[in-house]
Amino acid sequence: MGTISTLDRERSRRTPHHRRVRPATLRVTLETGMPETADGIASVYIHVSGAKAPIRLYLYVGGDLVDAWTDTEAVYELRPQDVKRGRHAITARAVDALGRWAGTSMIFDTADPVSVLAAN
């Protein structure tokens, strides 16, 4: 005997044409861009699609949790005090109301911040 999860209930719903509902794929995208504040190294943009609300969105820098949101989009200002010199993994993870999760990571190098690259 097992348990019925919210995702199982969602999949068992039928559409008007008697087809089963397949929930959209949960996706997380992560980008860096020019800092929006004067003291920032870069802005980290996070976007979640295909999620069933409510969602939780988490941002990790160098393995440490730095912020969390309940929105499908968020911006985090990466500041010098947030990271030591060198390369760091930036990871965004999302969990939606159906218990699905998704994540993505990128490497950020403080030697080549976005603001330096854009100035050249």
N, C-alpha and C. Protein backbone atom coordinates (compact mmCIF):
# COMPACT_ATOMS: atom_id res chain seq x y z
N MET A 1 0.85 -1.18 0.00
CA MET A 1 0.00 0.00 0.00
C MET A 1 0.89 1.23 0.00
N GLY A 2 0.62 2.15 -0.89
CA GLY A 2 1.41 3.37 -0.99
C GLY A 2 0.60 4.59 -0.62
N THR A 3 1.22 5.72 -0.84
CA THR A 3 0.52 6.98 -0.57
C THR A 3 0.22 7.67 -1.89
N ILE A 4 -0.80 8.47 -1.88
CA ILE A 4 -1.17 9.26 -3.06
C ILE A 4 -0.66 10.67 -2.85
N SER A 5 0.19 11.12 -3.75
CA SER A 5 0.73 12.47 -3.63
C SER A 5 -0.11 13.45 -4.45
N THR A 6 0.16 14.71 -4.24
CA THR A 6 -0.52 15.75 -5.00
C THR A 6 -0.25 15.59 -6.49
N LEU A 7 0.98 15.19 -6.83
CA LEU A 7 1.34 14.98 -8.23
C LEU A 7 0.52 13.84 -8.84
N ASP A 8 0.30 12.76 -8.09
CA ASP A 8 -0.52 11.65 -8.58
C ASP A 8 -1.95 12.11 -8.85
N ARG A 9 -2.50 12.91 -7.95
CA ARG A 9 -3.87 13.43 -8.16
C ARG A 9 -3.92 14.31 -9.40
N GLU A 10 -2.90 15.14 -9.58
CA GLU A 10 -2.85 16.04 -10.73
C GLU A 10 -2.79 15.24 -12.03
N ARG A 11 -2.02 14.17 -12.06
CA ARG A 11 -1.90 13.35 -13.26
C ARG A 11 -3.18 12.58 -13.57
N SER A 12 -3.96 12.26 -12.54
CA SER A 12 -5.16 11.45 -12.76
C SER A 12 -6.37 12.28 -13.21
N ARG A 13 -6.25 13.61 -13.14
CA ARG A 13 -7.34 14.46 -13.63
C ARG A 13 -7.53 14.25 -15.12
N ARG A 14 -8.74 14.37 -15.58
CA ARG A 14 -9.01 14.19 -17.01
C ARG A 14 -9.46 15.52 -17.61
N THR A 15 -9.10 15.70 -18.86
CA THR A 15 -9.49 16.90 -19.59
C THR A 15 -10.86 16.65 -20.22
N PRO A 16 -11.48 17.66 -20.82
CA PRO A 16 -12.77 17.45 -21.48
C PRO A 16 -12.73 16.38 -22.58
N HIS A 17 -11.58 16.13 -23.16
CA HIS A 17 -11.46 15.12 -24.22
C HIS A 17 -11.00 13.78 -23.67
N HIS A 18 -11.14 13.58 -22.37
CA HIS A 18 -10.81 12.33 -21.67
C HIS A 18 -9.34 11.95 -21.77
N ARG A 19 -8.50 12.94 -21.85
CA ARG A 19 -7.06 12.68 -21.84
C ARG A 19 -6.54 13.03 -20.45
N ARG A 20 -5.51 12.35 -20.05
CA ARG A 20 -4.92 12.65 -18.75
C ARG A 20 -4.08 13.91 -18.83
N VAL A 21 -4.06 14.64 -17.73
CA VAL A 21 -3.28 15.87 -17.66
C VAL A 21 -1.83 15.50 -17.36
N ARG A 22 -0.94 16.07 -18.12
CA ARG A 22 0.48 15.90 -17.84
C ARG A 22 1.00 17.26 -17.40
N PRO A 23 1.36 17.39 -16.12
CA PRO A 23 1.84 18.69 -15.66
C PRO A 23 3.04 19.15 -16.46
N ALA A 24 3.14 20.46 -16.64
CA ALA A 24 4.25 21.04 -17.38
C ALA A 24 5.57 20.72 -16.68
N THR A 25 6.63 20.70 -17.45
CA THR A 25 7.95 20.45 -16.89
C THR A 25 8.40 21.67 -16.10
N LEU A 26 8.88 21.44 -14.92
CA LEU A 26 9.39 22.51 -14.07
C LEU A 26 10.81 22.84 -14.53
N ARG A 27 11.05 24.10 -14.83
CA ARG A 27 12.37 24.53 -15.31
C ARG A 27 12.85 25.74 -14.53
N VAL A 28 14.16 25.79 -14.31
CA VAL A 28 14.79 26.91 -13.64
C VAL A 28 15.88 27.43 -14.57
N THR A 29 15.90 28.74 -14.82
CA THR A 29 16.98 29.33 -15.61
C THR A 29 17.73 30.33 -14.73
N LEU A 30 19.00 30.46 -14.99
CA LEU A 30 19.90 31.27 -14.19
C LEU A 30 20.81 32.05 -15.12
N GLU A 31 20.89 33.35 -14.95
CA GLU A 31 21.74 34.20 -15.78
C GLU A 31 22.40 35.24 -14.91
N THR A 32 23.55 35.74 -15.35
CA THR A 32 24.17 36.88 -14.68
C THR A 32 24.16 38.06 -15.63
N GLY A 33 24.16 39.25 -15.07
CA GLY A 33 24.15 40.45 -15.88
C GLY A 33 24.79 41.59 -15.12
N MET A 34 24.75 42.75 -15.72
CA MET A 34 25.31 43.94 -15.09
C MET A 34 24.67 44.16 -13.72
N PRO A 35 25.46 44.56 -12.73
CA PRO A 35 24.88 44.81 -11.40
C PRO A 35 23.91 45.98 -11.44
N GLU A 36 22.85 45.86 -10.65
CA GLU A 36 21.84 46.92 -10.58
C GLU A 36 22.16 47.92 -9.48
N THR A 37 23.15 47.61 -8.64
CA THR A 37 23.56 48.52 -7.57
C THR A 37 25.03 48.85 -7.76
N ALA A 38 25.46 49.99 -7.20
CA ALA A 38 26.83 50.44 -7.37
C ALA A 38 27.86 49.53 -6.72
N ASP A 39 27.48 48.86 -5.62
CA ASP A 39 28.44 48.02 -4.91
C ASP A 39 28.37 46.55 -5.35
N GLY A 40 27.61 46.24 -6.36
CA GLY A 40 27.47 44.85 -6.80
C GLY A 40 28.53 44.44 -7.79
N ILE A 41 28.85 43.14 -7.79
CA ILE A 41 29.76 42.56 -8.79
C ILE A 41 28.95 42.18 -10.02
N ALA A 42 27.78 41.59 -9.78
CA ALA A 42 26.90 41.13 -10.85
C ALA A 42 25.50 40.93 -10.29
N SER A 43 24.52 40.94 -11.17
CA SER A 43 23.16 40.59 -10.80
C SER A 43 22.89 39.17 -11.26
N VAL A 44 22.27 38.37 -10.41
CA VAL A 44 21.93 37.00 -10.74
C VAL A 44 20.42 36.97 -10.94
N TYR A 45 19.98 36.58 -12.14
CA TYR A 45 18.57 36.53 -12.49
C TYR A 45 18.10 35.08 -12.49
N ILE A 46 17.02 34.81 -11.77
CA ILE A 46 16.48 33.46 -11.67
C ILE A 46 15.04 33.48 -12.16
N HIS A 47 14.68 32.49 -12.98
CA HIS A 47 13.32 32.40 -13.51
C HIS A 47 12.86 30.94 -13.42
N VAL A 48 11.62 30.74 -12.96
CA VAL A 48 11.03 29.41 -12.87
C VAL A 48 9.82 29.36 -13.80
N SER A 49 9.72 28.30 -14.60
CA SER A 49 8.56 28.13 -15.47
C SER A 49 8.00 26.72 -15.29
N GLY A 50 6.72 26.57 -15.58
CA GLY A 50 6.07 25.28 -15.48
C GLY A 50 5.72 24.87 -14.06
N ALA A 51 5.80 25.79 -13.12
CA ALA A 51 5.55 25.47 -11.72
C ALA A 51 4.09 25.69 -11.35
N LYS A 52 3.61 24.88 -10.42
CA LYS A 52 2.28 25.09 -9.86
C LYS A 52 2.48 25.80 -8.53
N ALA A 53 1.87 26.97 -8.40
CA ALA A 53 2.03 27.79 -7.19
C ALA A 53 1.36 27.13 -6.01
N PRO A 54 1.87 27.36 -4.83
CA PRO A 54 3.02 28.19 -4.49
C PRO A 54 4.33 27.45 -4.72
N ILE A 55 5.38 28.24 -4.93
CA ILE A 55 6.71 27.65 -5.13
C ILE A 55 7.67 28.24 -4.11
N ARG A 56 8.78 27.54 -3.92
CA ARG A 56 9.90 28.06 -3.13
C ARG A 56 11.11 28.03 -4.05
N LEU A 57 11.83 29.13 -4.06
CA LEU A 57 13.00 29.30 -4.91
C LEU A 57 14.19 29.58 -4.01
N TYR A 58 15.27 28.83 -4.19
CA TYR A 58 16.45 28.95 -3.34
C TYR A 58 17.67 29.27 -4.18
N LEU A 59 18.56 30.14 -3.65
CA LEU A 59 19.79 30.49 -4.34
C LEU A 59 20.97 30.18 -3.42
N TYR A 60 21.92 29.41 -3.96
CA TYR A 60 23.14 29.04 -3.24
C TYR A 60 24.34 29.62 -3.96
N VAL A 61 25.29 30.17 -3.21
CA VAL A 61 26.55 30.64 -3.76
C VAL A 61 27.66 29.93 -3.01
N GLY A 62 28.48 29.20 -3.74
CA GLY A 62 29.55 28.44 -3.12
C GLY A 62 29.04 27.39 -2.15
N GLY A 63 27.85 26.87 -2.38
CA GLY A 63 27.27 25.84 -1.52
C GLY A 63 26.49 26.37 -0.33
N ASP A 64 26.52 27.68 -0.10
CA ASP A 64 25.80 28.28 1.02
C ASP A 64 24.51 28.93 0.54
N LEU A 65 23.43 28.70 1.28
CA LEU A 65 22.15 29.35 0.96
C LEU A 65 22.28 30.84 1.23
N VAL A 66 22.01 31.66 0.19
CA VAL A 66 22.13 33.11 0.35
C VAL A 66 20.78 33.82 0.33
N ASP A 67 19.76 33.20 -0.28
CA ASP A 67 18.44 33.83 -0.30
C ASP A 67 17.38 32.82 -0.72
N ALA A 68 16.12 33.15 -0.42
CA ALA A 68 14.99 32.31 -0.80
C ALA A 68 13.80 33.21 -1.10
N TRP A 69 12.97 32.79 -2.06
CA TRP A 69 11.81 33.57 -2.47
C TRP A 69 10.61 32.64 -2.68
N THR A 70 9.44 33.26 -2.82
CA THR A 70 8.24 32.50 -3.19
C THR A 70 7.69 32.99 -4.52
N ASP A 71 8.50 33.68 -5.29
CA ASP A 71 8.11 34.19 -6.60
C ASP A 71 8.68 33.30 -7.70
N THR A 72 8.18 33.48 -8.92
CA THR A 72 8.72 32.73 -10.06
C THR A 72 9.91 33.43 -10.69
N GLU A 73 10.17 34.67 -10.31
CA GLU A 73 11.33 35.40 -10.80
C GLU A 73 11.97 36.13 -9.63
N ALA A 74 13.29 36.21 -9.66
CA ALA A 74 14.00 36.90 -8.59
C ALA A 74 15.32 37.43 -9.13
N VAL A 75 15.82 38.47 -8.46
CA VAL A 75 17.13 39.04 -8.79
C VAL A 75 17.92 39.11 -7.49
N TYR A 76 19.16 38.65 -7.54
CA TYR A 76 20.04 38.71 -6.38
C TYR A 76 21.28 39.50 -6.77
N GLU A 77 21.63 40.49 -5.96
CA GLU A 77 22.83 41.28 -6.21
C GLU A 77 24.03 40.61 -5.54
N LEU A 78 24.96 40.14 -6.34
CA LEU A 78 26.17 39.51 -5.83
C LEU A 78 27.15 40.61 -5.48
N ARG A 79 27.56 40.65 -4.21
CA ARG A 79 28.45 41.71 -3.72
C ARG A 79 29.80 41.10 -3.33
N PRO A 80 30.84 41.93 -3.26
CA PRO A 80 32.18 41.40 -2.92
C PRO A 80 32.21 40.63 -1.61
N GLN A 81 31.43 41.04 -0.62
CA GLN A 81 31.44 40.35 0.67
C GLN A 81 30.74 38.98 0.60
N ASP A 82 29.99 38.72 -0.48
CA ASP A 82 29.29 37.44 -0.63
C ASP A 82 30.20 36.32 -1.10
N VAL A 83 31.26 36.67 -1.80
CA VAL A 83 32.14 35.64 -2.38
C VAL A 83 33.60 36.00 -2.15
N LYS A 84 34.40 34.95 -1.95
CA LYS A 84 35.84 35.13 -1.89
C LYS A 84 36.36 35.15 -3.32
N ARG A 85 37.62 35.47 -3.49
CA ARG A 85 38.20 35.50 -4.83
C ARG A 85 38.21 34.10 -5.43
N GLY A 86 38.04 34.03 -6.73
CA GLY A 86 38.10 32.75 -7.42
C GLY A 86 36.78 32.36 -8.06
N ARG A 87 36.69 31.08 -8.37
CA ARG A 87 35.50 30.54 -9.04
C ARG A 87 34.54 29.97 -8.01
N HIS A 88 33.25 30.21 -8.23
CA HIS A 88 32.22 29.74 -7.31
C HIS A 88 31.03 29.19 -8.09
N ALA A 89 30.44 28.15 -7.55
CA ALA A 89 29.21 27.62 -8.14
C ALA A 89 28.03 28.45 -7.63
N ILE A 90 27.17 28.86 -8.55
CA ILE A 90 25.92 29.52 -8.20
C ILE A 90 24.82 28.55 -8.62
N THR A 91 23.98 28.17 -7.67
CA THR A 91 22.93 27.18 -7.92
C THR A 91 21.58 27.74 -7.54
N ALA A 92 20.60 27.56 -8.42
CA ALA A 92 19.21 27.93 -8.12
C ALA A 92 18.38 26.66 -8.12
N ARG A 93 17.53 26.50 -7.10
CA ARG A 93 16.64 25.34 -7.01
C ARG A 93 15.24 25.82 -6.72
N ALA A 94 14.26 25.12 -7.28
CA ALA A 94 12.85 25.46 -7.06
C ALA A 94 12.08 24.20 -6.72
N VAL A 95 11.08 24.35 -5.84
CA VAL A 95 10.15 23.28 -5.49
C VAL A 95 8.76 23.84 -5.63
N ASP A 96 7.87 23.14 -6.35
CA ASP A 96 6.51 23.66 -6.53
C ASP A 96 5.52 22.93 -5.64
N ALA A 97 4.24 23.30 -5.75
CA ALA A 97 3.18 22.76 -4.90
C ALA A 97 2.97 21.26 -5.12
N LEU A 98 3.39 20.74 -6.26
CA LEU A 98 3.23 19.32 -6.55
C LEU A 98 4.40 18.50 -6.01
N GLY A 99 5.37 19.16 -5.39
CA GLY A 99 6.52 18.45 -4.86
C GLY A 99 7.61 18.23 -5.88
N ARG A 100 7.45 18.77 -7.08
CA ARG A 100 8.48 18.63 -8.11
C ARG A 100 9.59 19.63 -7.81
N TRP A 101 10.81 19.28 -8.16
CA TRP A 101 11.90 20.22 -7.98
C TRP A 101 12.77 20.22 -9.22
N ALA A 102 13.44 21.32 -9.41
CA ALA A 102 14.36 21.47 -10.53
C ALA A 102 15.45 22.43 -10.09
N GLY A 103 16.56 22.39 -10.77
CA GLY A 103 17.66 23.29 -10.42
C GLY A 103 18.62 23.43 -11.57
N THR A 104 19.46 24.41 -11.45
CA THR A 104 20.51 24.63 -12.44
C THR A 104 21.67 25.33 -11.74
N SER A 105 22.86 25.17 -12.29
CA SER A 105 24.06 25.77 -11.71
C SER A 105 24.90 26.41 -12.79
N MET A 106 25.74 27.34 -12.37
CA MET A 106 26.71 27.95 -13.26
C MET A 106 27.95 28.28 -12.44
N ILE A 107 29.05 28.51 -13.10
CA ILE A 107 30.30 28.89 -12.43
C ILE A 107 30.48 30.40 -12.62
N PHE A 108 30.75 31.08 -11.52
CA PHE A 108 31.00 32.53 -11.56
C PHE A 108 32.44 32.74 -11.10
N ASP A 109 33.22 33.48 -11.90
CA ASP A 109 34.61 33.75 -11.58
C ASP A 109 34.74 35.22 -11.20
N THR A 110 35.20 35.48 -9.98
CA THR A 110 35.33 36.87 -9.53
C THR A 110 36.43 37.62 -10.29
N ALA A 111 37.34 36.88 -10.94
CA ALA A 111 38.39 37.52 -11.73
C ALA A 111 37.82 38.13 -13.01
N ASP A 112 36.67 37.62 -13.49
CA ASP A 112 36.03 38.12 -14.70
C ASP A 112 34.58 38.43 -14.43
N PRO A 113 34.29 39.38 -13.51
CA PRO A 113 32.87 39.69 -13.25
C PRO A 113 32.22 40.31 -14.47
N VAL A 114 30.93 40.25 -14.51
CA VAL A 114 30.15 40.74 -15.65
C VAL A 114 30.46 42.20 -15.94
N SER A 115 30.59 43.02 -14.91
CA SER A 115 30.81 44.45 -15.11
C SER A 115 32.16 44.71 -15.80
N VAL A 116 33.18 43.89 -15.51
CA VAL A 116 34.47 44.05 -16.19
C VAL A 116 34.35 43.61 -17.64
N LEU A 117 33.66 42.50 -17.89
CA LEU A 117 33.49 42.02 -19.27
C LEU A 117 32.71 43.02 -20.12
N ALA A 118 31.67 43.62 -19.56
CA ALA A 118 30.84 44.55 -20.32
C ALA A 118 31.58 45.85 -20.61
N ALA A 119 32.53 46.23 -19.77
CA ALA A 119 33.26 47.48 -19.96
C ALA A 119 34.25 47.38 -21.10
N ASN A 120 34.69 46.17 -21.45
CA ASN A 120 35.68 45.98 -22.52
C ASN A 120 35.06 45.96 -23.88
